[in-house]
């Protein structure tokens, strides 16, 4: 099921010279030669394929609930990307049981995304409605988004919200998350408080974007008391569940020591991991750290390579451009090769 765009990166301010401040807008810092930090900690860069979650001893994360039911071959095929098999198995289940809401929802999802069959929003909505009639909350959540967007049915925000309300009340995490985003748009304090409650429900179900957005609310004091420690904890959990926005936000809090003990080396690890996953903001931040040797050994080639990677995505940095002007022709060529290699990583 699709999710709506969340709050996005908060871009918490970054402090501690000589790295220029990180702010919501990418502003050029005064052009000056940064002073080398005193005895920077030398850490090896994490492996490129550093797994997520990667918090030491982390045992959380989204997991299917324990069940005594037989294996769901249709959904298992869907998870493995075997969509034609998933379509066939779901169809067989419905033929055997005309009240199999989970199989109906799966067919709706396959039609909705055009996986294993031709994309058809109208058929997707039909299957979701049949599944919702059987009480399937995932189908209700999907119908809510389709009604909000006018996809497979006439656009009807009120109807969409009613579907999301029903699904959220019955514990569907994605519906709770999307309903929270709608409520935040009103700007009223009661709606923001309820949005925070809904984000918490989705966050407790280990939905990474909801964990990130709940962290933003705690950091800003919107709908909940302002609490940097809770913000850091939710950003960390979001990162552990693979959310790039949470990963970058947690790295910034780590670097600044906001709501969590200051740890530049660990912050660099998070930035580097997010940068390797293609996040332009993280690429810019790790470039700055390599440029001055904060959290990682100073390495102007790595700094230039990550700066080029971020610039290729539209995130330029005048301070870095100025700081890295002294590269030799060989260093610049190596940086360009690294940047090209990283741009080709999917």
Foldseek 3Di string as FASTA:
>chain_A
DDFDDFPFFQFPWFDDPPQDITHPDQDADPADAGDFDDPADADDADDLPQDFPDDPPDDDEADDDDDPDPDDVLVVCVVVLVPLSNLVSLVVVCVVPVLPLVSLQSNLVCLCVVRSHGNDQLSSLVSLVSSVVSVDLVSLLVNLVCLCVVTNHGNDNVSSLVSLVVSVVVQDLSSLQRNLRVLVVVVDQVSQLSSLVSLVSNVVSLPLSSLQNNLVCLCVVRSHHNAQLSSLVSLSSSVSNPDLSSLLVNLSCLCRVTNHRNDQLVSLNSLSNSVLVPDLVSLQVNLSCLLRVHNHGNDLLSSLLSQVLSVVVPDHHPNNCSSNPPDDPVSNVSSVVSNVVSVPDD
